[in-house]
Amino acid sequence: MKNIERWFESGLWYSRFIVILAVVASLLTSIGMFYMATVDAYYMLAHLVGYASPDLSVSERGTLRAETVTHVVEIVDGYLLATVLMIFSLGLYELFISPIDQAHGEEVSSSVLVITSLDDLKGRLAKVILMILIVKFFEHAISMDFTTPESLLYLAGGISLIGLALYLTHASEGHAPESHKSK
């Protein structure tokens, strides 16, 4: 009976290596997102070459500017999503397979890439996802038509909620404002 238990526990322990599939898939998807965002950035910059052309009217230049700002927001969104996937990939590897030795020797890794628990991974991912949501809100706010006072109130409410979310995220890390710290 002891041998069956040992064999079963060994199988359970080594089953964690199935996470390698998620690590590799997330890393490849991250690389793909970095590639897509970089290609988008290149073509957006190439498209901007004509921005200074004297042949453009003021309205055409304004349209090009609005489109460019939207493209920049989409590019930032792509890079943030790629970052989420990379953090997820590295975090899964650290939690289920093995610590990444090279990461523990680097100064920058201690603040970004070293994951010690599932809560740590969730917290890091939540912060980046919050940034993606803020970028998406910004993208929609740029294209909104503010024709009524209600639309301006909705924008102000959205901005207030974003500020509250950022404040709560910051406060949850133990960064309370000086006025709230106990003496």
N, C-alpha and C. Protein backbone atom coordinates (compact mmCIF):
# COMPACT_ATOMS: atom_id res chain seq x y z
N MET A 1 0.82 -1.20 0.00
CA MET A 1 0.00 0.00 0.00
C MET A 1 0.86 1.26 0.00
N LYS A 2 1.98 1.20 0.74
CA LYS A 2 2.88 2.36 0.82
C LYS A 2 3.48 2.67 -0.56
N ASN A 3 3.79 1.65 -1.34
CA ASN A 3 4.36 1.86 -2.68
C ASN A 3 3.35 2.51 -3.61
N ILE A 4 2.09 2.10 -3.52
CA ILE A 4 1.05 2.71 -4.35
C ILE A 4 0.88 4.18 -3.98
N GLU A 5 0.88 4.46 -2.69
CA GLU A 5 0.76 5.86 -2.23
C GLU A 5 1.95 6.69 -2.72
N ARG A 6 3.15 6.13 -2.61
CA ARG A 6 4.36 6.84 -3.06
C ARG A 6 4.29 7.08 -4.56
N TRP A 7 3.86 6.08 -5.33
CA TRP A 7 3.75 6.21 -6.77
C TRP A 7 2.71 7.27 -7.14
N PHE A 8 1.56 7.22 -6.46
CA PHE A 8 0.49 8.19 -6.73
C PHE A 8 0.94 9.61 -6.40
N GLU A 9 1.56 9.80 -5.25
CA GLU A 9 2.05 11.13 -4.85
C GLU A 9 3.13 11.63 -5.80
N SER A 10 3.96 10.73 -6.27
CA SER A 10 4.99 11.11 -7.24
C SER A 10 4.34 11.58 -8.54
N GLY A 11 3.31 10.86 -8.98
CA GLY A 11 2.59 11.26 -10.19
C GLY A 11 1.91 12.61 -10.02
N LEU A 12 1.32 12.82 -8.85
CA LEU A 12 0.70 14.12 -8.58
C LEU A 12 1.73 15.23 -8.63
N TRP A 13 2.88 15.00 -8.00
CA TRP A 13 3.91 16.04 -7.93
C TRP A 13 4.44 16.38 -9.32
N TYR A 14 4.69 15.36 -10.14
CA TYR A 14 5.24 15.62 -11.46
C TYR A 14 4.18 16.11 -12.45
N SER A 15 2.92 16.00 -12.10
CA SER A 15 1.87 16.50 -12.99
C SER A 15 1.92 18.02 -13.10
N ARG A 16 2.62 18.66 -12.18
CA ARG A 16 2.74 20.13 -12.24
C ARG A 16 3.44 20.58 -13.52
N PHE A 17 4.21 19.69 -14.14
CA PHE A 17 4.94 20.06 -15.35
C PHE A 17 4.02 20.31 -16.54
N ILE A 18 2.73 19.95 -16.42
CA ILE A 18 1.76 20.27 -17.48
C ILE A 18 1.65 21.78 -17.65
N VAL A 19 2.01 22.52 -16.59
CA VAL A 19 1.97 23.99 -16.63
C VAL A 19 2.92 24.52 -17.69
N ILE A 20 3.92 23.73 -18.07
CA ILE A 20 4.86 24.15 -19.13
C ILE A 20 4.10 24.53 -20.40
N LEU A 21 3.01 23.82 -20.69
CA LEU A 21 2.22 24.15 -21.88
C LEU A 21 1.68 25.57 -21.79
N ALA A 22 1.14 25.94 -20.64
CA ALA A 22 0.62 27.30 -20.46
C ALA A 22 1.74 28.33 -20.49
N VAL A 23 2.89 27.98 -19.92
CA VAL A 23 4.04 28.90 -19.91
C VAL A 23 4.49 29.19 -21.33
N VAL A 24 4.69 28.14 -22.12
CA VAL A 24 5.16 28.31 -23.50
C VAL A 24 4.11 29.03 -24.34
N ALA A 25 2.85 28.63 -24.21
CA ALA A 25 1.79 29.27 -25.00
C ALA A 25 1.66 30.75 -24.64
N SER A 26 1.72 31.08 -23.36
CA SER A 26 1.63 32.49 -22.94
C SER A 26 2.83 33.29 -23.43
N LEU A 27 4.00 32.69 -23.36
CA LEU A 27 5.21 33.39 -23.82
C LEU A 27 5.16 33.62 -25.32
N LEU A 28 4.75 32.62 -26.08
CA LEU A 28 4.64 32.80 -27.54
C LEU A 28 3.58 33.83 -27.90
N THR A 29 2.47 33.81 -27.17
CA THR A 29 1.42 34.81 -27.42
C THR A 29 1.92 36.20 -27.07
N SER A 30 2.69 36.31 -25.99
CA SER A 30 3.28 37.59 -25.61
C SER A 30 4.21 38.11 -26.70
N ILE A 31 5.06 37.24 -27.21
CA ILE A 31 5.97 37.63 -28.30
C ILE A 31 5.17 38.08 -29.52
N GLY A 32 4.08 37.36 -29.82
CA GLY A 32 3.22 37.74 -30.94
C GLY A 32 2.59 39.11 -30.73
N MET A 33 2.14 39.39 -29.50
CA MET A 33 1.55 40.70 -29.21
C MET A 33 2.59 41.82 -29.30
N PHE A 34 3.81 41.55 -28.80
CA PHE A 34 4.88 42.55 -28.94
C PHE A 34 5.16 42.82 -30.42
N TYR A 35 5.18 41.75 -31.22
CA TYR A 35 5.40 41.91 -32.66
C TYR A 35 4.30 42.75 -33.30
N MET A 36 3.04 42.41 -33.00
CA MET A 36 1.92 43.14 -33.59
C MET A 36 1.93 44.62 -33.19
N ALA A 37 2.18 44.90 -31.92
CA ALA A 37 2.20 46.29 -31.46
C ALA A 37 3.36 47.04 -32.10
N THR A 38 4.48 46.38 -32.29
CA THR A 38 5.64 47.03 -32.90
C THR A 38 5.38 47.31 -34.38
N VAL A 39 4.76 46.38 -35.08
CA VAL A 39 4.40 46.60 -36.49
C VAL A 39 3.40 47.75 -36.59
N ASP A 40 2.41 47.76 -35.69
CA ASP A 40 1.45 48.86 -35.67
C ASP A 40 2.14 50.20 -35.42
N ALA A 41 3.11 50.22 -34.52
CA ALA A 41 3.84 51.46 -34.22
C ALA A 41 4.64 51.90 -35.45
N TYR A 42 5.27 50.97 -36.13
CA TYR A 42 6.04 51.31 -37.32
C TYR A 42 5.16 51.94 -38.39
N TYR A 43 4.02 51.29 -38.68
CA TYR A 43 3.14 51.82 -39.73
C TYR A 43 2.46 53.12 -39.31
N MET A 44 2.21 53.27 -38.03
CA MET A 44 1.64 54.53 -37.56
C MET A 44 2.66 55.66 -37.76
N LEU A 45 3.92 55.40 -37.44
CA LEU A 45 4.96 56.41 -37.64
C LEU A 45 5.18 56.70 -39.13
N ALA A 46 5.14 55.66 -39.95
CA ALA A 46 5.29 55.85 -41.40
C ALA A 46 4.12 56.67 -41.95
N HIS A 47 2.94 56.46 -41.39
CA HIS A 47 1.75 57.19 -41.81
C HIS A 47 1.85 58.67 -41.44
N LEU A 48 2.60 58.97 -40.38
CA LEU A 48 2.71 60.35 -39.89
C LEU A 48 3.67 61.21 -40.71
N VAL A 49 4.42 60.61 -41.62
CA VAL A 49 5.38 61.36 -42.42
C VAL A 49 4.68 62.51 -43.15
N GLY A 50 3.47 62.28 -43.60
CA GLY A 50 2.74 63.30 -44.34
C GLY A 50 2.04 64.33 -43.47
N TYR A 51 2.17 64.23 -42.16
CA TYR A 51 1.46 65.14 -41.27
C TYR A 51 1.89 66.60 -41.48
N ALA A 52 3.13 66.83 -41.77
CA ALA A 52 3.64 68.20 -41.94
C ALA A 52 3.46 68.73 -43.37
N SER A 53 2.83 67.93 -44.21
CA SER A 53 2.65 68.34 -45.59
C SER A 53 1.79 69.60 -45.69
N PRO A 54 2.24 70.58 -46.48
CA PRO A 54 1.44 71.79 -46.66
C PRO A 54 0.17 71.53 -47.47
N ASP A 55 0.08 70.36 -48.10
CA ASP A 55 -1.11 70.03 -48.90
C ASP A 55 -2.32 69.65 -48.03
N LEU A 56 -2.07 69.36 -46.75
CA LEU A 56 -3.18 68.98 -45.87
C LEU A 56 -3.94 70.21 -45.38
N SER A 57 -5.24 70.10 -45.41
CA SER A 57 -6.05 71.18 -44.85
C SER A 57 -6.09 71.03 -43.33
N VAL A 58 -6.60 72.04 -42.68
CA VAL A 58 -6.68 72.02 -41.22
C VAL A 58 -7.57 70.86 -40.76
N SER A 59 -8.67 70.63 -41.44
CA SER A 59 -9.58 69.55 -41.04
C SER A 59 -8.94 68.18 -41.30
N GLU A 60 -8.21 68.03 -42.41
CA GLU A 60 -7.53 66.77 -42.69
C GLU A 60 -6.45 66.50 -41.65
N ARG A 61 -5.72 67.55 -41.27
CA ARG A 61 -4.68 67.41 -40.24
C ARG A 61 -5.32 67.03 -38.90
N GLY A 62 -6.47 67.64 -38.59
CA GLY A 62 -7.18 67.30 -37.35
C GLY A 62 -7.65 65.85 -37.34
N THR A 63 -8.15 65.39 -38.48
CA THR A 63 -8.58 64.00 -38.60
C THR A 63 -7.40 63.05 -38.44
N LEU A 64 -6.29 63.38 -39.10
CA LEU A 64 -5.07 62.56 -38.98
C LEU A 64 -4.58 62.54 -37.54
N ARG A 65 -4.65 63.67 -36.87
CA ARG A 65 -4.22 63.75 -35.47
C ARG A 65 -5.10 62.86 -34.59
N ALA A 66 -6.41 62.93 -34.76
CA ALA A 66 -7.33 62.11 -33.96
C ALA A 66 -7.11 60.62 -34.22
N GLU A 67 -6.91 60.26 -35.48
CA GLU A 67 -6.64 58.86 -35.81
C GLU A 67 -5.32 58.40 -35.21
N THR A 68 -4.32 59.28 -35.22
CA THR A 68 -3.01 58.93 -34.68
C THR A 68 -3.09 58.71 -33.17
N VAL A 69 -3.79 59.58 -32.48
CA VAL A 69 -3.93 59.40 -31.03
C VAL A 69 -4.63 58.09 -30.73
N THR A 70 -5.65 57.73 -31.49
CA THR A 70 -6.34 56.46 -31.31
C THR A 70 -5.40 55.30 -31.56
N HIS A 71 -4.57 55.39 -32.59
CA HIS A 71 -3.61 54.33 -32.89
C HIS A 71 -2.57 54.20 -31.78
N VAL A 72 -2.12 55.31 -31.24
CA VAL A 72 -1.15 55.27 -30.15
C VAL A 72 -1.75 54.55 -28.94
N VAL A 73 -3.01 54.85 -28.64
CA VAL A 73 -3.67 54.18 -27.51
C VAL A 73 -3.78 52.69 -27.78
N GLU A 74 -4.10 52.30 -29.01
CA GLU A 74 -4.18 50.88 -29.35
C GLU A 74 -2.82 50.20 -29.24
N ILE A 75 -1.76 50.90 -29.61
CA ILE A 75 -0.41 50.36 -29.51
C ILE A 75 -0.03 50.15 -28.05
N VAL A 76 -0.32 51.14 -27.22
CA VAL A 76 -0.04 51.02 -25.78
C VAL A 76 -0.82 49.83 -25.21
N ASP A 77 -2.06 49.69 -25.63
CA ASP A 77 -2.89 48.58 -25.19
C ASP A 77 -2.27 47.24 -25.59
N GLY A 78 -1.76 47.15 -26.80
CA GLY A 78 -1.09 45.93 -27.27
C GLY A 78 0.13 45.60 -26.45
N TYR A 79 0.95 46.60 -26.15
CA TYR A 79 2.14 46.37 -25.34
C TYR A 79 1.77 45.97 -23.91
N LEU A 80 0.73 46.57 -23.36
CA LEU A 80 0.30 46.19 -22.01
C LEU A 80 -0.21 44.75 -21.98
N LEU A 81 -0.96 44.35 -22.99
CA LEU A 81 -1.45 42.99 -23.05
C LEU A 81 -0.29 42.00 -23.20
N ALA A 82 0.70 42.35 -24.00
CA ALA A 82 1.89 41.51 -24.14
C ALA A 82 2.61 41.38 -22.81
N THR A 83 2.65 42.47 -22.05
CA THR A 83 3.30 42.44 -20.75
C THR A 83 2.54 41.54 -19.78
N VAL A 84 1.21 41.61 -19.80
CA VAL A 84 0.40 40.73 -18.94
C VAL A 84 0.72 39.27 -19.25
N LEU A 85 0.77 38.94 -20.52
CA LEU A 85 1.04 37.56 -20.90
C LEU A 85 2.44 37.12 -20.47
N MET A 86 3.41 38.02 -20.57
CA MET A 86 4.76 37.68 -20.16
C MET A 86 4.85 37.48 -18.64
N ILE A 87 4.25 38.38 -17.89
CA ILE A 87 4.24 38.25 -16.43
C ILE A 87 3.53 36.95 -16.03
N PHE A 88 2.43 36.64 -16.69
CA PHE A 88 1.69 35.41 -16.42
C PHE A 88 2.57 34.20 -16.69
N SER A 89 3.26 34.19 -17.81
CA SER A 89 4.12 33.08 -18.19
C SER A 89 5.25 32.89 -17.17
N LEU A 90 5.95 33.98 -16.85
CA LEU A 90 7.05 33.89 -15.89
C LEU A 90 6.54 33.50 -14.50
N GLY A 91 5.40 34.04 -14.12
CA GLY A 91 4.84 33.73 -12.81
C GLY A 91 4.44 32.27 -12.69
N LEU A 92 3.80 31.72 -13.71
CA LEU A 92 3.45 30.31 -13.67
C LEU A 92 4.68 29.43 -13.56
N TYR A 93 5.71 29.79 -14.32
CA TYR A 93 6.94 29.00 -14.27
C TYR A 93 7.55 29.05 -12.87
N GLU A 94 7.63 30.25 -12.30
CA GLU A 94 8.20 30.42 -10.96
C GLU A 94 7.41 29.65 -9.91
N LEU A 95 6.09 29.66 -10.02
CA LEU A 95 5.25 29.02 -9.00
C LEU A 95 5.21 27.50 -9.10
N PHE A 96 5.19 26.97 -10.32
CA PHE A 96 4.95 25.54 -10.47
C PHE A 96 6.17 24.73 -10.88
N ILE A 97 7.13 25.35 -11.53
CA ILE A 97 8.26 24.58 -12.04
C ILE A 97 9.52 24.81 -11.22
N SER A 98 10.04 26.04 -11.28
CA SER A 98 11.30 26.32 -10.61
C SER A 98 11.56 27.82 -10.58
N PRO A 99 12.25 28.30 -9.56
CA PRO A 99 12.65 29.71 -9.58
C PRO A 99 13.57 29.97 -10.78
N ILE A 100 13.46 31.13 -11.35
CA ILE A 100 14.32 31.51 -12.47
C ILE A 100 15.59 32.10 -11.88
N ASP A 101 16.67 31.34 -11.95
CA ASP A 101 17.92 31.74 -11.29
C ASP A 101 18.44 33.09 -11.77
N GLN A 102 18.38 33.34 -13.07
CA GLN A 102 18.87 34.60 -13.62
C GLN A 102 18.06 35.78 -13.09
N ALA A 103 16.78 35.58 -12.88
CA ALA A 103 15.92 36.67 -12.41
C ALA A 103 16.26 37.06 -10.98
N HIS A 104 16.65 36.11 -10.17
CA HIS A 104 16.94 36.40 -8.77
C HIS A 104 18.25 37.17 -8.60
N GLY A 105 19.10 37.14 -9.60
CA GLY A 105 20.36 37.87 -9.52
C GLY A 105 20.28 39.29 -10.04
N GLU A 106 19.20 39.64 -10.71
CA GLU A 106 19.05 40.95 -11.30
C GLU A 106 18.31 41.89 -10.36
N GLU A 107 18.70 43.15 -10.37
CA GLU A 107 18.08 44.15 -9.51
C GLU A 107 16.64 44.45 -9.93
N VAL A 108 16.38 44.53 -11.23
CA VAL A 108 15.06 44.90 -11.72
C VAL A 108 14.04 43.77 -11.50
N SER A 109 14.49 42.55 -11.46
CA SER A 109 13.56 41.43 -11.34
C SER A 109 12.85 41.38 -10.00
N SER A 110 13.49 41.87 -8.97
CA SER A 110 12.87 41.79 -7.65
C SER A 110 11.56 42.57 -7.59
N SER A 111 11.43 43.58 -8.40
CA SER A 111 10.21 44.37 -8.36
C SER A 111 9.18 43.96 -9.41
N VAL A 112 9.58 43.19 -10.40
CA VAL A 112 8.65 42.90 -11.49
C VAL A 112 8.47 41.41 -11.74
N LEU A 113 9.54 40.67 -11.85
CA LEU A 113 9.44 39.33 -12.40
C LEU A 113 9.45 38.20 -11.38
N VAL A 114 9.89 38.42 -10.18
CA VAL A 114 9.94 37.34 -9.20
C VAL A 114 8.58 37.21 -8.54
N ILE A 115 7.95 36.08 -8.72
CA ILE A 115 6.62 35.80 -8.19
C ILE A 115 6.77 34.75 -7.09
N THR A 116 6.23 35.03 -5.90
CA THR A 116 6.40 34.11 -4.78
C THR A 116 5.12 33.37 -4.39
N SER A 117 3.96 33.82 -4.84
CA SER A 117 2.71 33.15 -4.51
C SER A 117 1.66 33.46 -5.57
N LEU A 118 0.57 32.72 -5.52
CA LEU A 118 -0.52 32.99 -6.46
C LEU A 118 -1.11 34.37 -6.23
N ASP A 119 -1.17 34.80 -4.97
CA ASP A 119 -1.66 36.14 -4.67
C ASP A 119 -0.75 37.21 -5.27
N ASP A 120 0.54 36.97 -5.22
CA ASP A 120 1.51 37.89 -5.82
C ASP A 120 1.29 37.97 -7.33
N LEU A 121 1.12 36.82 -7.97
CA LEU A 121 0.87 36.80 -9.42
C LEU A 121 -0.44 37.51 -9.75
N LYS A 122 -1.49 37.23 -8.98
CA LYS A 122 -2.79 37.89 -9.22
C LYS A 122 -2.67 39.39 -9.04
N GLY A 123 -1.95 39.83 -8.03
CA GLY A 123 -1.80 41.27 -7.79
C GLY A 123 -1.07 41.97 -8.92
N ARG A 124 0.00 41.35 -9.40
CA ARG A 124 0.76 41.96 -10.51
C ARG A 124 -0.08 42.00 -11.79
N LEU A 125 -0.79 40.91 -12.06
CA LEU A 125 -1.64 40.88 -13.24
C LEU A 125 -2.78 41.88 -13.12
N ALA A 126 -3.35 42.00 -11.93
CA ALA A 126 -4.46 42.94 -11.73
C ALA A 126 -4.03 44.37 -12.01
N LYS A 127 -2.82 44.73 -11.61
CA LYS A 127 -2.33 46.10 -11.85
C LYS A 127 -2.21 46.37 -13.35
N VAL A 128 -1.66 45.41 -14.08
CA VAL A 128 -1.49 45.62 -15.52
C VAL A 128 -2.85 45.61 -16.22
N ILE A 129 -3.75 44.74 -15.79
CA ILE A 129 -5.09 44.72 -16.38
C ILE A 129 -5.82 46.02 -16.09
N LEU A 130 -5.64 46.57 -14.90
CA LEU A 130 -6.23 47.87 -14.58
C LEU A 130 -5.70 48.94 -15.54
N MET A 131 -4.42 48.89 -15.85
CA MET A 131 -3.86 49.85 -16.80
C MET A 131 -4.45 49.66 -18.19
N ILE A 132 -4.68 48.41 -18.59
CA ILE A 132 -5.30 48.14 -19.89
C ILE A 132 -6.71 48.74 -19.92
N LEU A 133 -7.45 48.56 -18.83
CA LEU A 133 -8.81 49.11 -18.77
C LEU A 133 -8.79 50.64 -18.82
N ILE A 134 -7.81 51.24 -18.18
CA ILE A 134 -7.69 52.70 -18.23
C ILE A 134 -7.40 53.16 -19.65
N VAL A 135 -6.52 52.44 -20.33
CA VAL A 135 -6.20 52.79 -21.72
C VAL A 135 -7.43 52.63 -22.60
N LYS A 136 -8.20 51.56 -22.39
CA LYS A 136 -9.43 51.36 -23.17
C LYS A 136 -10.44 52.49 -22.89
N PHE A 137 -10.56 52.89 -21.63
CA PHE A 137 -11.44 54.00 -21.30
C PHE A 137 -10.99 55.27 -22.03
N PHE A 138 -9.69 55.52 -22.01
CA PHE A 138 -9.13 56.68 -22.69
C PHE A 138 -9.43 56.62 -24.18
N GLU A 139 -9.30 55.42 -24.76
CA GLU A 139 -9.56 55.24 -26.19
C GLU A 139 -11.02 55.58 -26.52
N HIS A 140 -11.95 55.13 -25.68
CA HIS A 140 -13.37 55.43 -25.92
C HIS A 140 -13.68 56.90 -25.63
N ALA A 141 -13.03 57.46 -24.63
CA ALA A 141 -13.28 58.86 -24.28
C ALA A 141 -12.84 59.79 -25.41
N ILE A 142 -11.78 59.42 -26.12
CA ILE A 142 -11.31 60.24 -27.24
C ILE A 142 -12.36 60.31 -28.35
N SER A 143 -13.03 59.19 -28.58
CA SER A 143 -13.97 59.15 -29.69
C SER A 143 -15.40 59.58 -29.30
N MET A 144 -15.63 59.90 -28.03
CA MET A 144 -16.97 60.31 -27.60
C MET A 144 -17.32 61.70 -28.11
N ASP A 145 -18.59 61.88 -28.39
CA ASP A 145 -19.10 63.21 -28.72
C ASP A 145 -19.74 63.78 -27.45
N PHE A 146 -19.25 64.91 -27.02
CA PHE A 146 -19.78 65.54 -25.81
C PHE A 146 -20.79 66.61 -26.22
N THR A 147 -21.99 66.14 -26.52
CA THR A 147 -23.04 67.05 -26.99
C THR A 147 -24.03 67.42 -25.91
N THR A 148 -24.04 66.66 -24.83
CA THR A 148 -24.99 66.93 -23.75
C THR A 148 -24.24 67.04 -22.43
N PRO A 149 -24.84 67.71 -21.46
CA PRO A 149 -24.21 67.77 -20.14
C PRO A 149 -24.07 66.38 -19.51
N GLU A 150 -24.97 65.46 -19.82
CA GLU A 150 -24.89 64.12 -19.26
C GLU A 150 -23.62 63.40 -19.74
N SER A 151 -23.27 63.60 -21.00
CA SER A 151 -22.07 62.94 -21.51
C SER A 151 -20.82 63.45 -20.79
N LEU A 152 -20.80 64.74 -20.47
CA LEU A 152 -19.67 65.27 -19.70
C LEU A 152 -19.67 64.71 -18.27
N LEU A 153 -20.86 64.55 -17.70
CA LEU A 153 -20.96 63.96 -16.36
C LEU A 153 -20.50 62.50 -16.37
N TYR A 154 -20.85 61.75 -17.42
CA TYR A 154 -20.39 60.37 -17.54
C TYR A 154 -18.87 60.31 -17.63
N LEU A 155 -18.29 61.22 -18.40
CA LEU A 155 -16.83 61.26 -18.51
C LEU A 155 -16.21 61.58 -17.16
N ALA A 156 -16.74 62.59 -16.47
CA ALA A 156 -16.23 62.95 -15.15
C ALA A 156 -16.38 61.80 -14.16
N GLY A 157 -17.52 61.11 -14.21
CA GLY A 157 -17.72 59.95 -13.34
C GLY A 157 -16.73 58.84 -13.63
N GLY A 158 -16.49 58.58 -14.90
CA GLY A 158 -15.51 57.57 -15.28
C GLY A 158 -14.12 57.92 -14.80
N ILE A 159 -13.74 59.18 -14.97
CA ILE A 159 -12.42 59.63 -14.50
C ILE A 159 -12.33 59.51 -12.99
N SER A 160 -13.40 59.84 -12.29
CA SER A 160 -13.41 59.72 -10.82
C SER A 160 -13.27 58.27 -10.40
N LEU A 161 -13.95 57.36 -11.08
CA LEU A 161 -13.84 55.94 -10.75
C LEU A 161 -12.44 55.40 -11.03
N ILE A 162 -11.83 55.88 -12.09
CA ILE A 162 -10.46 55.48 -12.39
C ILE A 162 -9.53 55.96 -11.28
N GLY A 163 -9.70 57.21 -10.88
CA GLY A 163 -8.89 57.75 -9.79
C GLY A 163 -9.08 56.95 -8.51
N LEU A 164 -10.31 56.58 -8.21
CA LEU A 164 -10.59 55.78 -7.01
C LEU A 164 -9.94 54.40 -7.11
N ALA A 165 -10.04 53.78 -8.28
CA ALA A 165 -9.42 52.47 -8.47
C ALA A 165 -7.91 52.54 -8.29
N LEU A 166 -7.29 53.58 -8.84
CA LEU A 166 -5.83 53.73 -8.67
C LEU A 166 -5.47 53.99 -7.22
N TYR A 167 -6.27 54.81 -6.54
CA TYR A 167 -6.02 55.10 -5.13
C TYR A 167 -6.14 53.83 -4.29
N LEU A 168 -7.19 53.05 -4.52
CA LEU A 168 -7.39 51.83 -3.75
C LEU A 168 -6.30 50.80 -4.04
N THR A 169 -5.87 50.72 -5.28
CA THR A 169 -4.78 49.81 -5.63
C THR A 169 -3.50 50.23 -4.90
N HIS A 170 -3.23 51.50 -4.91
CA HIS A 170 -2.04 52.02 -4.24
C HIS A 170 -2.14 51.83 -2.74
N ALA A 171 -3.30 52.07 -2.18
CA ALA A 171 -3.49 51.93 -0.73
C ALA A 171 -3.41 50.47 -0.30
N SER A 172 -3.86 49.55 -1.16
CA SER A 172 -3.81 48.13 -0.80
C SER A 172 -2.38 47.61 -0.70
N GLU A 173 -1.44 48.32 -1.30
CA GLU A 173 -0.03 47.93 -1.22
C GLU A 173 0.62 48.47 0.04
N GLY A 174 -0.16 49.14 0.87
CA GLY A 174 0.41 49.69 2.10
C GLY A 174 0.97 51.08 1.94
N HIS A 175 0.61 51.75 0.87
CA HIS A 175 1.09 53.12 0.63
C HIS A 175 0.01 54.12 1.03
N ALA A 176 -0.34 54.12 2.27
CA ALA A 176 -1.37 55.07 2.74
C ALA A 176 -0.82 56.47 2.72
N PRO A 177 -1.67 57.46 2.49
CA PRO A 177 -1.21 58.84 2.52
C PRO A 177 -0.64 59.20 3.90
N GLU A 178 0.24 60.18 3.90
CA GLU A 178 0.89 60.59 5.16
C GLU A 178 -0.11 60.97 6.23
N SER A 179 -1.24 61.56 5.88
CA SER A 179 -2.21 62.00 6.86
C SER A 179 -2.92 60.82 7.53
N HIS A 180 -2.91 59.63 6.90
CA HIS A 180 -3.59 58.49 7.45
C HIS A 180 -2.66 57.53 8.17
N LYS A 181 -1.37 57.75 8.09
CA LYS A 181 -0.44 56.85 8.75
C LYS A 181 -0.47 57.09 10.25
N SER A 182 -0.39 56.01 10.99
CA SER A 182 -0.38 56.17 12.46
C SER A 182 1.00 56.63 12.89
N LYS A 183 0.99 57.43 13.97
CA LYS A 183 2.25 58.02 14.43
C LYS A 183 2.84 57.25 15.56
